[in-house]
Amino acid sequence: MHEYSVIQALVDSVEAHTAGHDGAVKLLRVSIGELAGVDATLLASAYDVFRAGTICENALLEIVPVSARWSCSRCGLEIPRGQALRCVSCGGEAKLSRGDEILLDQIELEVQ
């Protein structure tokens, strides 16, 4: 499953960010865009399996969904969802401005 490779990268990133800090990871907050190609339910399931024996073993995973948004590539005007992917103001083509990301937003570390 693709979600396992995402979780592997997530845990590797947490390990890199927390290196040199004493404490336990308590929470991970991850933003997942609706067009990121990742199923949030499968990602959570993969996390539950993969985190055993890692720095994230006791950490809660919070997944924040991010809706897709488009904007004009020329003038930056946001293009409403469901509309043609062309700017009504200048005729520019739409570009995806949000919704394809997978971001580690927050690591909560309990210092001992």
PDB file of N, CA and C in Angstrom:
ATOM      1  N   MET A   1       0.833  -1.189   0.000  1.00  0.00           N
ATOM      2  CA  MET A   1       0.000   0.000   0.000  1.00  0.00           C
ATOM      3  C   MET A   1       0.876   1.251   0.000  1.00  0.00           C
ATOM      4  N   HIS A   2       0.480   2.231  -0.724  1.00  0.00           N
ATOM      5  CA  HIS A   2       1.148   3.527  -0.810  1.00  0.00           C
ATOM      6  C   HIS A   2       1.181   4.215   0.559  1.00  0.00           C
ATOM      7  N   GLU A   3       0.154   4.011   1.358  1.00  0.00           N
ATOM      8  CA  GLU A   3       0.055   4.668   2.650  1.00  0.00           C
ATOM      9  C   GLU A   3       1.190   4.273   3.588  1.00  0.00           C
ATOM     10  N   TYR A   4       1.681   3.032   3.471  1.00  0.00           N
ATOM     11  CA  TYR A   4       2.796   2.612   4.324  1.00  0.00           C
ATOM     12  C   TYR A   4       4.060   3.406   4.012  1.00  0.00           C
ATOM     13  N   SER A   5       4.314   3.694   2.755  1.00  0.00           N
ATOM     14  CA  SER A   5       5.498   4.485   2.414  1.00  0.00           C
ATOM     15  C   SER A   5       5.353   5.926   2.918  1.00  0.00           C
ATOM     16  N   VAL A   6       4.137   6.443   2.911  1.00  0.00           N
ATOM     17  CA  VAL A   6       3.889   7.784   3.451  1.00  0.00           C
ATOM     18  C   VAL A   6       4.166   7.784   4.956  1.00  0.00           C
ATOM     19  N   ILE A   7       3.693   6.763   5.658  1.00  0.00           N
ATOM     20  CA  ILE A   7       3.923   6.663   7.103  1.00  0.00           C
ATOM     21  C   ILE A   7       5.405   6.495   7.400  1.00  0.00           C
ATOM     22  N   GLN A   8       6.114   5.695   6.610  1.00  0.00           N
ATOM     23  CA  GLN A   8       7.559   5.539   6.800  1.00  0.00           C
ATOM     24  C   GLN A   8       8.247   6.895   6.703  1.00  0.00           C
ATOM     25  N   ALA A   9       7.898   7.674   5.688  1.00  0.00           N
ATOM     26  CA  ALA A   9       8.487   9.000   5.511  1.00  0.00           C
ATOM     27  C   ALA A   9       8.107   9.923   6.673  1.00  0.00           C
ATOM     28  N   LEU A  10       6.891   9.815   7.149  1.00  0.00           N
ATOM     29  CA  LEU A  10       6.423  10.626   8.271  1.00  0.00           C
ATOM     30  C   LEU A  10       7.235  10.319   9.531  1.00  0.00           C
ATOM     31  N   VAL A  11       7.383   9.048   9.854  1.00  0.00           N
ATOM     32  CA  VAL A  11       8.142   8.644  11.045  1.00  0.00           C
ATOM     33  C   VAL A  11       9.608   9.056  10.905  1.00  0.00           C
ATOM     34  N   ASP A  12      10.178   8.905   9.716  1.00  0.00           N
ATOM     35  CA  ASP A  12      11.558   9.337   9.487  1.00  0.00           C
ATOM     36  C   ASP A  12      11.697  10.845   9.726  1.00  0.00           C
ATOM     37  N   SER A  13      10.726  11.604   9.275  1.00  0.00           N
ATOM     38  CA  SER A  13      10.740  13.057   9.461  1.00  0.00           C
ATOM     39  C   SER A  13      10.627  13.428  10.935  1.00  0.00           C
ATOM     40  N   VAL A  14       9.764  12.743  11.662  1.00  0.00           N
ATOM     41  CA  VAL A  14       9.621  12.990  13.099  1.00  0.00           C
ATOM     42  C   VAL A  14      10.932  12.680  13.813  1.00  0.00           C
ATOM     43  N   GLU A  15      11.556  11.576  13.456  1.00  0.00           N
ATOM     44  CA  GLU A  15      12.840  11.219  14.074  1.00  0.00           C
ATOM     45  C   GLU A  15      13.893  12.290  13.805  1.00  0.00           C
ATOM     46  N   ALA A  16      13.926  12.816  12.588  1.00  0.00           N
ATOM     47  CA  ALA A  16      14.896  13.852  12.235  1.00  0.00           C
ATOM     48  C   ALA A  16      14.627  15.150  13.000  1.00  0.00           C
ATOM     49  N   HIS A  17      13.348  15.517  13.121  1.00  0.00           N
ATOM     50  CA  HIS A  17      12.989  16.761  13.805  1.00  0.00           C
ATOM     51  C   HIS A  17      13.180  16.694  15.321  1.00  0.00           C
ATOM     52  N   THR A  18      13.104  15.518  15.892  1.00  0.00           N
ATOM     53  CA  THR A  18      13.189  15.390  17.343  1.00  0.00           C
ATOM     54  C   THR A  18      14.568  14.911  17.807  1.00  0.00           C
ATOM     55  N   ALA A  19      15.472  14.678  16.887  1.00  0.00           N
ATOM     56  CA  ALA A  19      16.815  14.223  17.249  1.00  0.00           C
ATOM     57  C   ALA A  19      17.454  15.233  18.196  1.00  0.00           C
ATOM     58  N   GLY A  20      18.028  14.724  19.276  1.00  0.00           N
ATOM     59  CA  GLY A  20      18.671  15.606  20.245  1.00  0.00           C
ATOM     60  C   GLY A  20      17.757  16.135  21.326  1.00  0.00           C
ATOM     61  N   HIS A  21      16.478  15.815  21.234  1.00  0.00           N
ATOM     62  CA  HIS A  21      15.519  16.243  22.259  1.00  0.00           C
ATOM     63  C   HIS A  21      15.112  15.039  23.085  1.00  0.00           C
ATOM     64  N   ASP A  22      15.169  15.183  24.391  1.00  0.00           N
ATOM     65  CA  ASP A  22      14.681  14.115  25.262  1.00  0.00           C
ATOM     66  C   ASP A  22      13.193  14.312  25.451  1.00  0.00           C
ATOM     67  N   GLY A  23      12.440  13.262  25.281  1.00  0.00           N
ATOM     68  CA  GLY A  23      11.001  13.344  25.470  1.00  0.00           C
ATOM     69  C   GLY A  23      10.286  12.324  24.623  1.00  0.00           C
ATOM     70  N   ALA A  24       9.006  12.305  24.805  1.00  0.00           N
ATOM     71  CA  ALA A  24       8.165  11.350  24.086  1.00  0.00           C
ATOM     72  C   ALA A  24       7.233  12.104  23.136  1.00  0.00           C
ATOM     73  N   VAL A  25       7.113  11.595  21.923  1.00  0.00           N
ATOM     74  CA  VAL A  25       6.198  12.185  20.950  1.00  0.00           C
ATOM     75  C   VAL A  25       4.784  11.805  21.367  1.00  0.00           C
ATOM     76  N   LYS A  26       3.924  12.817  21.518  1.00  0.00           N
ATOM     77  CA  LYS A  26       2.547  12.594  21.975  1.00  0.00           C
ATOM     78  C   LYS A  26       1.512  12.798  20.871  1.00  0.00           C
ATOM     79  N   LEU A  27       1.823  13.662  19.910  1.00  0.00           N
ATOM     80  CA  LEU A  27       0.849  13.980  18.866  1.00  0.00           C
ATOM     81  C   LEU A  27       1.557  14.346  17.577  1.00  0.00           C
ATOM     82  N   LEU A  28       0.999  13.865  16.476  1.00  0.00           N
ATOM     83  CA  LEU A  28       1.407  14.290  15.140  1.00  0.00           C
ATOM     84  C   LEU A  28       0.178  14.837  14.445  1.00  0.00           C
ATOM     85  N   ARG A  29       0.297  16.024  13.870  1.00  0.00           N
ATOM     86  CA  ARG A  29      -0.809  16.593  13.086  1.00  0.00           C
ATOM     87  C   ARG A  29      -0.331  16.670  11.640  1.00  0.00           C
ATOM     88  N   VAL A  30      -1.103  16.034  10.768  1.00  0.00           N
ATOM     89  CA  VAL A  30      -0.743  15.936   9.359  1.00  0.00           C
ATOM     90  C   VAL A  30      -1.906  16.459   8.517  1.00  0.00           C
ATOM     91  N   SER A  31      -1.613  17.339   7.574  1.00  0.00           N
ATOM     92  CA  SER A  31      -2.611  17.826   6.619  1.00  0.00           C
ATOM     93  C   SER A  31      -2.526  16.981   5.353  1.00  0.00           C
ATOM     94  N   ILE A  32      -3.683  16.493   4.916  1.00  0.00           N
ATOM     95  CA  ILE A  32      -3.754  15.666   3.715  1.00  0.00           C
ATOM     96  C   ILE A  32      -4.737  16.306   2.740  1.00  0.00           C
ATOM     97  N   GLY A  33      -4.248  16.685   1.586  1.00  0.00           N
ATOM     98  CA  GLY A  33      -5.101  17.261   0.562  1.00  0.00           C
ATOM     99  C   GLY A  33      -5.983  16.199  -0.077  1.00  0.00           C
ATOM    100  N   GLU A  34      -7.187  16.606  -0.445  1.00  0.00           N
ATOM    101  CA  GLU A  34      -8.124  15.641  -1.032  1.00  0.00           C
ATOM    102  C   GLU A  34      -7.638  15.078  -2.355  1.00  0.00           C
ATOM    103  N   LEU A  35      -6.690  15.748  -2.998  1.00  0.00           N
ATOM    104  CA  LEU A  35      -6.144  15.261  -4.265  1.00  0.00           C
ATOM    105  C   LEU A  35      -4.724  14.721  -4.112  1.00  0.00           C
ATOM    106  N   ALA A  36      -4.326  14.409  -2.882  1.00  0.00           N
ATOM    107  CA  ALA A  36      -2.972  13.927  -2.611  1.00  0.00           C
ATOM    108  C   ALA A  36      -2.795  12.455  -2.973  1.00  0.00           C
ATOM    109  N   GLY A  37      -3.879  11.765  -3.234  1.00  0.00           N
ATOM    110  CA  GLY A  37      -3.784  10.354  -3.587  1.00  0.00           C
ATOM    111  C   GLY A  37      -3.599   9.455  -2.386  1.00  0.00           C
ATOM    112  N   VAL A  38      -3.975   9.941  -1.215  1.00  0.00           N
ATOM    113  CA  VAL A  38      -3.839   9.182   0.016  1.00  0.00           C
ATOM    114  C   VAL A  38      -5.212   9.065   0.669  1.00  0.00           C
ATOM    115  N   ASP A  39      -5.567   7.851   1.034  1.00  0.00           N
ATOM    116  CA  ASP A  39      -6.822   7.605   1.740  1.00  0.00           C
ATOM    117  C   ASP A  39      -6.556   7.780   3.234  1.00  0.00           C
ATOM    118  N   ALA A  40      -7.237   8.724   3.874  1.00  0.00           N
ATOM    119  CA  ALA A  40      -6.993   9.041   5.282  1.00  0.00           C
ATOM    120  C   ALA A  40      -7.258   7.842   6.195  1.00  0.00           C
ATOM    121  N   THR A  41      -8.268   7.046   5.891  1.00  0.00           N
ATOM    122  CA  THR A  41      -8.576   5.867   6.709  1.00  0.00           C
ATOM    123  C   THR A  41      -7.460   4.834   6.606  1.00  0.00           C
ATOM    124  N   LEU A  42      -6.984   4.590   5.399  1.00  0.00           N
ATOM    125  CA  LEU A  42      -5.877   3.653   5.214  1.00  0.00           C
ATOM    126  C   LEU A  42      -4.586   4.181   5.829  1.00  0.00           C
ATOM    127  N   LEU A  43      -4.392   5.496   5.761  1.00  0.00           N
ATOM    128  CA  LEU A  43      -3.214   6.098   6.363  1.00  0.00           C
ATOM    129  C   LEU A  43      -3.225   5.898   7.882  1.00  0.00           C
ATOM    130  N   ALA A  44      -4.367   6.122   8.512  1.00  0.00           N
ATOM    131  CA  ALA A  44      -4.491   5.929   9.957  1.00  0.00           C
ATOM    132  C   ALA A  44      -4.260   4.472  10.330  1.00  0.00           C
ATOM    133  N   SER A  45      -4.778   3.566   9.531  1.00  0.00           N
ATOM    134  CA  SER A  45      -4.589   2.136   9.773  1.00  0.00           C
ATOM    135  C   SER A  45      -3.119   1.755   9.621  1.00  0.00           C
ATOM    136  N   ALA A  46      -2.475   2.263   8.598  1.00  0.00           N
ATOM    137  CA  ALA A  46      -1.053   1.989   8.381  1.00  0.00           C
ATOM    138  C   ALA A  46      -0.230   2.544   9.540  1.00  0.00           C
ATOM    139  N   TYR A  47      -0.600   3.705  10.031  1.00  0.00           N
ATOM    140  CA  TYR A  47       0.103   4.308  11.166  1.00  0.00           C
ATOM    141  C   TYR A  47      -0.012   3.428  12.404  1.00  0.00           C
ATOM    142  N   ASP A  48      -1.198   2.929  12.667  1.00  0.00           N
ATOM    143  CA  ASP A  48      -1.407   2.071  13.840  1.00  0.00           C
ATOM    144  C   ASP A  48      -0.514   0.831  13.794  1.00  0.00           C
ATOM    145  N   VAL A  49      -0.316   0.292  12.615  1.00  0.00           N
ATOM    146  CA  VAL A  49       0.515  -0.902  12.465  1.00  0.00           C
ATOM    147  C   VAL A  49       1.999  -0.539  12.505  1.00  0.00           C
ATOM    148  N   PHE A  50       2.386   0.507  11.802  1.00  0.00           N
ATOM    149  CA  PHE A  50       3.792   0.832  11.586  1.00  0.00           C
ATOM    150  C   PHE A  50       4.476   1.465  12.799  1.00  0.00           C
ATOM    151  N   ARG A  51       3.743   2.188  13.635  1.00  0.00           N
ATOM    152  CA  ARG A  51       4.374   2.975  14.699  1.00  0.00           C
ATOM    153  C   ARG A  51       4.971   2.142  15.826  1.00  0.00           C
ATOM    154  N   ALA A  52       4.561   0.872  15.953  1.00  0.00           N
ATOM    155  CA  ALA A  52       5.090   0.011  17.018  1.00  0.00           C
ATOM    156  C   ALA A  52       6.615  -0.042  16.944  1.00  0.00           C
ATOM    157  N   GLY A  53       7.259   0.219  18.071  1.00  0.00           N
ATOM    158  CA  GLY A  53       8.704   0.174  18.138  1.00  0.00           C
ATOM    159  C   GLY A  53       9.409   1.403  17.592  1.00  0.00           C
ATOM    160  N   THR A  54       8.657   2.440  17.241  1.00  0.00           N
ATOM    161  CA  THR A  54       9.268   3.672  16.724  1.00  0.00           C
ATOM    162  C   THR A  54       9.098   4.784  17.754  1.00  0.00           C
ATOM    163  N   ILE A  55       9.670   5.922  17.458  1.00  0.00           N
ATOM    164  CA  ILE A  55       9.540   7.098  18.309  1.00  0.00           C
ATOM    165  C   ILE A  55       8.079   7.559  18.426  1.00  0.00           C
ATOM    166  N   CYS A  56       7.251   7.132  17.491  1.00  0.00           N
ATOM    167  CA  CYS A  56       5.836   7.518  17.453  1.00  0.00           C
ATOM    168  C   CYS A  56       4.918   6.473  18.088  1.00  0.00           C
ATOM    169  N   GLU A  57       5.494   5.506  18.757  1.00  0.00           N
ATOM    170  CA  GLU A  57       4.714   4.381  19.278  1.00  0.00           C
ATOM    171  C   GLU A  57       3.501   4.809  20.108  1.00  0.00           C
ATOM    172  N   ASN A  58       3.639   5.848  20.922  1.00  0.00           N
ATOM    173  CA  ASN A  58       2.540   6.282  21.785  1.00  0.00           C
ATOM    174  C   ASN A  58       1.899   7.588  21.333  1.00  0.00           C
ATOM    175  N   ALA A  59       2.195   8.008  20.126  1.00  0.00           N
ATOM    176  CA  ALA A  59       1.696   9.287  19.627  1.00  0.00           C
ATOM    177  C   ALA A  59       0.384   9.130  18.874  1.00  0.00           C
ATOM    178  N   LEU A  60      -0.514  10.042  19.143  1.00  0.00           N
ATOM    179  CA  LEU A  60      -1.781  10.118  18.423  1.00  0.00           C
ATOM    180  C   LEU A  60      -1.535  10.765  17.065  1.00  0.00           C
ATOM    181  N   LEU A  61      -2.177  10.242  16.032  1.00  0.00           N
ATOM    182  CA  LEU A  61      -2.100  10.835  14.698  1.00  0.00           C
ATOM    183  C   LEU A  61      -3.394  11.582  14.425  1.00  0.00           C
ATOM    184  N   GLU A  62      -3.273  12.880  14.200  1.00  0.00           N
ATOM    185  CA  GLU A  62      -4.429  13.700  13.854  1.00  0.00           C
ATOM    186  C   GLU A  62      -4.307  14.080  12.379  1.00  0.00           C
ATOM    187  N   ILE A  63      -5.307  13.702  11.603  1.00  0.00           N
ATOM    188  CA  ILE A  63      -5.292  13.990  10.172  1.00  0.00           C
ATOM    189  C   ILE A  63      -6.265  15.135   9.895  1.00  0.00           C
ATOM    190  N   VAL A  64      -5.738  16.188   9.291  1.00  0.00           N
ATOM    191  CA  VAL A  64      -6.536  17.361   8.945  1.00  0.00           C
ATOM    192  C   VAL A  64      -6.776  17.342   7.434  1.00  0.00           C
ATOM    193  N   PRO A  65      -8.038  17.172   7.013  1.00  0.00           N
ATOM    194  CA  PRO A  65      -8.311  17.172   5.566  1.00  0.00           C
ATOM    195  C   PRO A  65      -8.213  18.584   4.984  1.00  0.00           C
ATOM    196  N   VAL A  66      -7.679  18.666   3.774  1.00  0.00           N
ATOM    197  CA  VAL A  66      -7.534  19.951   3.082  1.00  0.00           C
ATOM    198  C   VAL A  66      -8.296  19.869   1.761  1.00  0.00           C
ATOM    199  N   SER A  67      -9.260  20.751   1.589  1.00  0.00           N
ATOM    200  CA  SER A  67     -10.046  20.795   0.354  1.00  0.00           C
ATOM    201  C   SER A  67      -9.208  21.356  -0.791  1.00  0.00           C
ATOM    202  N   ALA A  68      -9.495  20.876  -1.975  1.00  0.00           N
ATOM    203  CA  ALA A  68      -8.801  21.371  -3.166  1.00  0.00           C
ATOM    204  C   ALA A  68      -9.296  22.775  -3.500  1.00  0.00           C
ATOM    205  N   ARG A  69      -8.360  23.607  -3.939  1.00  0.00           N
ATOM    206  CA  ARG A  69      -8.690  24.967  -4.371  1.00  0.00           C
ATOM    207  C   ARG A  69      -7.878  25.285  -5.618  1.00  0.00           C
ATOM    208  N   TRP A  70      -8.496  26.030  -6.499  1.00  0.00           N
ATOM    209  CA  TRP A  70      -7.833  26.457  -7.721  1.00  0.00           C
ATOM    210  C   TRP A  70      -7.796  27.972  -7.758  1.00  0.00           C
ATOM    211  N   SER A  71      -6.772  28.490  -8.429  1.00  0.00           N
ATOM    212  CA  SER A  71      -6.672  29.930  -8.627  1.00  0.00           C
ATOM    213  C   SER A  71      -6.138  30.176 -10.031  1.00  0.00           C
ATOM    214  N   CYS A  72      -6.304  31.417 -10.482  1.00  0.00           N
ATOM    215  CA  CYS A  72      -5.844  31.797 -11.813  1.00  0.00           C
ATOM    216  C   CYS A  72      -4.325  31.859 -11.839  1.00  0.00           C
ATOM    217  N   SER A  73      -3.731  31.276 -12.854  1.00  0.00           N
ATOM    218  CA  SER A  73      -2.267  31.280 -12.978  1.00  0.00           C
ATOM    219  C   SER A  73      -1.736  32.667 -13.356  1.00  0.00           C
ATOM    220  N   ARG A  74      -2.593  33.535 -13.865  1.00  0.00           N
ATOM    221  CA  ARG A  74      -2.168  34.883 -14.253  1.00  0.00           C
ATOM    222  C   ARG A  74      -2.387  35.913 -13.150  1.00  0.00           C
ATOM    223  N   CYS A  75      -3.644  36.025 -12.686  1.00  0.00           N
ATOM    224  CA  CYS A  75      -3.977  37.107 -11.749  1.00  0.00           C
ATOM    225  C   CYS A  75      -4.152  36.627 -10.310  1.00  0.00           C
ATOM    226  N   GLY A  76      -4.192  35.323 -10.085  1.00  0.00           N
ATOM    227  CA  GLY A  76      -4.298  34.793  -8.732  1.00  0.00           C
ATOM    228  C   GLY A  76      -5.700  34.719  -8.161  1.00  0.00           C
ATOM    229  N   LEU A  77      -6.705  35.144  -8.921  1.00  0.00           N
ATOM    230  CA  LEU A  77      -8.089  35.105  -8.442  1.00  0.00           C
ATOM    231  C   LEU A  77      -8.498  33.669  -8.152  1.00  0.00           C
ATOM    232  N   GLU A  78      -9.124  33.448  -6.991  1.00  0.00           N
ATOM    233  CA  GLU A  78      -9.582  32.101  -6.657  1.00  0.00           C
ATOM    234  C   GLU A  78     -10.753  31.725  -7.555  1.00  0.00           C
ATOM    235  N   ILE A  79     -10.724  30.507  -8.054  1.00  0.00           N
ATOM    236  CA  ILE A  79     -11.776  30.002  -8.922  1.00  0.00           C
ATOM    237  C   ILE A  79     -12.669  29.101  -8.088  1.00  0.00           C
ATOM    238  N   PRO A  80     -13.961  29.460  -7.976  1.00  0.00           N
ATOM    239  CA  PRO A  80     -14.866  28.696  -7.123  1.00  0.00           C
ATOM    240  C   PRO A  80     -14.999  27.240  -7.559  1.00  0.00           C
ATOM    241  N   ARG A  81     -15.154  26.387  -6.568  1.00  0.00           N
ATOM    242  CA  ARG A  81     -15.339  24.954  -6.802  1.00  0.00           C
ATOM    243  C   ARG A  81     -16.559  24.732  -7.705  1.00  0.00           C
ATOM    244  N   GLY A  82     -16.403  23.853  -8.657  1.00  0.00           N
ATOM    245  CA  GLY A  82     -17.502  23.529  -9.565  1.00  0.00           C
ATOM    246  C   GLY A  82     -17.572  24.411 -10.792  1.00  0.00           C
ATOM    247  N   GLN A  83     -16.773  25.461 -10.839  1.00  0.00           N
ATOM    248  CA  GLN A  83     -16.756  26.361 -11.991  1.00  0.00           C
ATOM    249  C   GLN A  83     -15.757  25.854 -13.028  1.00  0.00           C
ATOM    250  N   ALA A  84     -15.870  26.376 -14.238  1.00  0.00           N
ATOM    251  CA  ALA A  84     -14.897  26.055 -15.281  1.00  0.00           C
ATOM    252  C   ALA A  84     -13.512  26.469 -14.793  1.00  0.00           C
ATOM    253  N   LEU A  85     -12.508  25.709 -15.149  1.00  0.00           N
ATOM    254  CA  LEU A  85     -11.159  25.976 -14.672  1.00  0.00           C
ATOM    255  C   LEU A  85     -10.459  27.019 -15.537  1.00  0.00           C
ATOM    256  N   ARG A  86     -11.118  28.139 -15.673  1.00  0.00           N
ATOM    257  CA  ARG A  86     -10.600  29.301 -16.393  1.00  0.00           C
ATOM    258  C   ARG A  86     -11.091  30.541 -15.662  1.00  0.00           C
ATOM    259  N   CYS A  87     -10.231  31.519 -15.528  1.00  0.00           N
ATOM    260  CA  CYS A  87     -10.548  32.740 -14.792  1.00  0.00           C
ATOM    261  C   CYS A  87     -11.618  33.559 -15.500  1.00  0.00           C
ATOM    262  N   VAL A  88     -12.633  33.971 -14.744  1.00  0.00           N
ATOM    263  CA  VAL A  88     -13.705  34.802 -15.317  1.00  0.00           C
ATOM    264  C   VAL A  88     -13.245  36.242 -15.481  1.00  0.00           C
ATOM    265  N   SER A  89     -12.163  36.623 -14.808  1.00  0.00           N
ATOM    266  CA  SER A  89     -11.673  37.991 -14.865  1.00  0.00           C
ATOM    267  C   SER A  89     -10.711  38.228 -16.032  1.00  0.00           C
ATOM    268  N   CYS A  90      -9.704  37.363 -16.154  1.00  0.00           N
ATOM    269  CA  CYS A  90      -8.678  37.598 -17.185  1.00  0.00           C
ATOM    270  C   CYS A  90      -8.568  36.478 -18.210  1.00  0.00           C
ATOM    271  N   GLY A  91      -9.294  35.376 -18.004  1.00  0.00           N
ATOM    272  CA  GLY A  91      -9.255  34.263 -18.950  1.00  0.00           C
ATOM    273  C   GLY A  91      -8.094  33.311 -18.756  1.00  0.00           C
ATOM    274  N   GLY A  92      -7.287  33.548 -17.718  1.00  0.00           N
ATOM    275  CA  GLY A  92      -6.137  32.683 -17.449  1.00  0.00           C
ATOM    276  C   GLY A  92      -6.565  31.274 -17.041  1.00  0.00           C
ATOM    277  N   GLU A  93      -5.659  30.336 -17.213  1.00  0.00           N
ATOM    278  CA  GLU A  93      -5.925  28.944 -16.838  1.00  0.00           C
ATOM    279  C   GLU A  93      -5.808  28.769 -15.336  1.00  0.00           C
ATOM    280  N   ALA A  94      -6.580  27.825 -14.833  1.00  0.00           N
ATOM    281  CA  ALA A  94      -6.554  27.529 -13.408  1.00  0.00           C
ATOM    282  C   ALA A  94      -5.338  26.691 -13.055  1.00  0.00           C
ATOM    283  N   LYS A  95      -4.829  26.913 -11.863  1.00  0.00           N
ATOM    284  CA  LYS A  95      -3.784  26.051 -11.314  1.00  0.00           C
ATOM    285  C   LYS A  95      -4.243  25.623  -9.927  1.00  0.00           C
ATOM    286  N   LEU A  96      -3.878  24.425  -9.552  1.00  0.00           N
ATOM    287  CA  LEU A  96      -4.226  23.920  -8.234  1.00  0.00           C
ATOM    288  C   LEU A  96      -3.368  24.662  -7.219  1.00  0.00           C
ATOM    289  N   SER A  97      -4.010  25.359  -6.288  1.00  0.00           N
ATOM    290  CA  SER A  97      -3.262  26.124  -5.303  1.00  0.00           C
ATOM    291  C   SER A  97      -3.249  25.458  -3.931  1.00  0.00           C
ATOM    292  N   ARG A  98      -4.130  24.491  -3.735  1.00  0.00           N
ATOM    293  CA  ARG A  98      -4.228  23.765  -2.468  1.00  0.00           C
ATOM    294  C   ARG A  98      -4.946  22.456  -2.696  1.00  0.00           C
ATOM    295  N   GLY A  99      -4.589  21.446  -1.898  1.00  0.00           N
ATOM    296  CA  GLY A  99      -5.347  20.210  -1.958  1.00  0.00           C
ATOM    297  C   GLY A  99      -4.585  18.992  -2.429  1.00  0.00           C
ATOM    298  N   ASP A 100      -3.310  19.157  -2.780  1.00  0.00           N
ATOM    299  CA  ASP A 100      -2.519  17.990  -3.185  1.00  0.00           C
ATOM    300  C   ASP A 100      -1.364  17.727  -2.223  1.00  0.00           C
ATOM    301  N   GLU A 101      -1.386  18.405  -1.078  1.00  0.00           N
ATOM    302  CA  GLU A 101      -0.275  18.315  -0.147  1.00  0.00           C
ATOM    303  C   GLU A 101      -0.426  17.199   0.892  1.00  0.00           C
ATOM    304  N   ILE A 102       0.715  16.772   1.382  1.00  0.00           N
ATOM    305  CA  ILE A 102       0.825  15.918   2.563  1.00  0.00           C
ATOM    306  C   ILE A 102       1.866  16.613   3.430  1.00  0.00           C
ATOM    307  N   LEU A 103       1.420  17.244   4.515  1.00  0.00           N
ATOM    308  CA  LEU A 103       2.310  18.054   5.333  1.00  0.00           C
ATOM    309  C   LEU A 103       2.302  17.617   6.790  1.00  0.00           C
ATOM    310  N   LEU A 104       3.466  17.499   7.357  1.00  0.00           N
ATOM    311  CA  LEU A 104       3.597  17.298   8.792  1.00  0.00           C
ATOM    312  C   LEU A 104       3.536  18.680   9.416  1.00  0.00           C
ATOM    313  N   ASP A 105       2.403  19.017   9.995  1.00  0.00           N
ATOM    314  CA  ASP A 105       2.176  20.361  10.524  1.00  0.00           C
ATOM    315  C   ASP A 105       2.689  20.554  11.946  1.00  0.00           C
ATOM    316  N   GLN A 106       2.568  19.507  12.761  1.00  0.00           N
ATOM    317  CA  GLN A 106       2.904  19.687  14.173  1.00  0.00           C
ATOM    318  C   GLN A 106       3.389  18.383  14.782  1.00  0.00           C
ATOM    319  N   ILE A 107       4.410  18.508  15.613  1.00  0.00           N
ATOM    320  CA  ILE A 107       4.882  17.412  16.447  1.00  0.00           C
ATOM    321  C   ILE A 107       4.778  17.901  17.888  1.00  0.00           C
ATOM    322  N   GLU A 108       4.006  17.214  18.680  1.00  0.00           N
ATOM    323  CA  GLU A 108       3.901  17.578  20.094  1.00  0.00           C
ATOM    324  C   GLU A 108       4.790  16.617  20.879  1.00  0.00           C
ATOM    325  N   LEU A 109       5.730  17.187  21.580  1.00  0.00           N
ATOM    326  CA  LEU A 109       6.730  16.406  22.306  1.00  0.00           C
ATOM    327  C   LEU A 109       6.592  16.696  23.798  1.00  0.00           C
ATOM    328  N   GLU A 110       6.464  15.650  24.589  1.00  0.00           N
ATOM    329  CA  GLU A 110       6.414  15.799  26.046  1.00  0.00           C
ATOM    330  C   GLU A 110       7.834  15.633  26.574  1.00  0.00           C
ATOM    331  N   VAL A 111       8.377  16.719  27.086  1.00  0.00           N
ATOM    332  CA  VAL A 111       9.746  16.718  27.571  1.00  0.00           C
ATOM    333  C   VAL A 111       9.778  16.106  28.963  1.00  0.00           C
ATOM    334  N   GLN A 112      10.748  15.252  29.182  1.00  0.00           N
ATOM    335  CA  GLN A 112      10.844  14.552  30.469  1.00  0.00           C
ATOM    336  C   GLN A 112      11.920  15.130  31.340  1.00  0.00           C
TER     337      GLN A 112
END
